[in-house]
Protein backbone atom coordinates (compact mmCIF):
# COMPACT_ATOMS: atom_id res chain seq x y z
CA MET A 1 5.06 -4.43 -20.58
CA LYS A 2 8.05 -3.31 -22.61
CA PRO A 3 9.92 -6.10 -24.42
CA GLU A 4 13.21 -5.10 -22.74
CA MET A 5 11.65 -5.40 -19.30
CA ARG A 6 10.05 -8.72 -20.20
CA GLN A 7 13.44 -10.08 -21.33
CA HIS A 8 15.14 -8.83 -18.17
CA LEU A 9 12.53 -10.50 -15.96
CA ALA A 10 12.82 -13.74 -17.92
CA GLN A 11 16.54 -13.87 -17.14
CA LEU A 12 16.14 -13.41 -13.37
CA SER A 13 16.21 -16.34 -10.99
CA PHE A 14 12.97 -17.45 -9.36
CA GLU A 15 14.17 -16.18 -5.97
CA GLU A 16 14.89 -12.73 -7.41
CA LYS A 17 11.45 -12.59 -9.02
CA ILE A 18 9.83 -13.45 -5.68
CA ARG A 19 11.90 -10.76 -3.94
CA LYS A 20 10.80 -8.17 -6.50
CA VAL A 21 7.14 -9.15 -6.06
CA GLY A 22 7.56 -8.70 -2.30
CA GLU A 23 9.02 -5.23 -2.85
CA LEU A 24 6.07 -4.32 -5.08
CA VAL A 25 3.57 -5.50 -2.47
CA LEU A 26 5.26 -3.40 0.23
CA LEU A 27 5.40 -0.37 -2.05
CA SER A 28 1.72 -0.81 -2.89
CA ARG A 29 0.83 -0.87 0.82
CA LYS A 30 2.90 2.27 1.49
CA ILE A 31 1.25 4.14 -1.37
CA LYS A 32 -2.22 3.03 -0.24
CA ALA A 33 -1.50 4.09 3.35
CA ALA A 34 -0.22 7.49 2.20
CA ARG A 35 -3.27 8.00 -0.02
CA ASP A 36 -5.63 6.95 2.77
CA ALA A 37 -3.88 9.26 5.23
CA GLU A 38 -4.30 12.15 2.80
CA VAL A 39 -8.00 11.39 2.39
CA SER A 40 -8.54 10.98 6.12
CA THR A 41 -6.90 14.36 6.77
CA SER A 42 -9.34 16.12 4.45
CA TYR A 43 -12.34 14.50 6.20
CA ARG A 44 -10.95 14.66 9.71
CA GLY A 45 -12.50 18.06 10.51
CA SER A 46 -16.04 16.96 9.71
CA LEU A 47 -15.75 13.44 11.11
CA GLU A 48 -13.47 13.96 14.09
CA GLY A 49 -14.77 12.25 17.22
CA THR A 50 -17.42 10.24 15.36
CA ASP A 51 -17.80 6.48 15.38
CA ALA A 52 -17.01 6.44 11.65
CA MET A 53 -13.65 8.17 12.19
CA ASP A 54 -12.82 5.89 15.13
CA ALA A 55 -13.56 2.82 12.99
CA PHE A 56 -11.50 4.20 10.11
CA ILE A 57 -8.48 4.92 12.31
CA SER A 58 -8.76 1.50 13.93
CA GLU A 59 -8.82 -0.20 10.52
CA ARG A 60 -5.78 1.78 9.30
CA LYS A 61 -3.82 0.76 12.40
CA ARG A 62 -4.79 -2.88 11.91
CA GLU A 63 -3.71 -2.85 8.25
CA SER A 64 -0.39 -1.18 9.05
CA GLU A 65 0.40 -3.99 11.50
CA LEU A 66 0.04 -6.65 8.77
């Protein structure tokens, strides 16, 4: 981590640090969902209608509800 960023974080209040962590968690979930959607699209043709695809889609829906 860059020293400037470390200093900036050290000066933030605890509440602000928690808020930033929450933002990072949400961003991580969005990126993961987008990546998984991209992967599922490439496999969809060969797996469409299979139990594996149904399980995958069900799991993605469950995770997005969290």
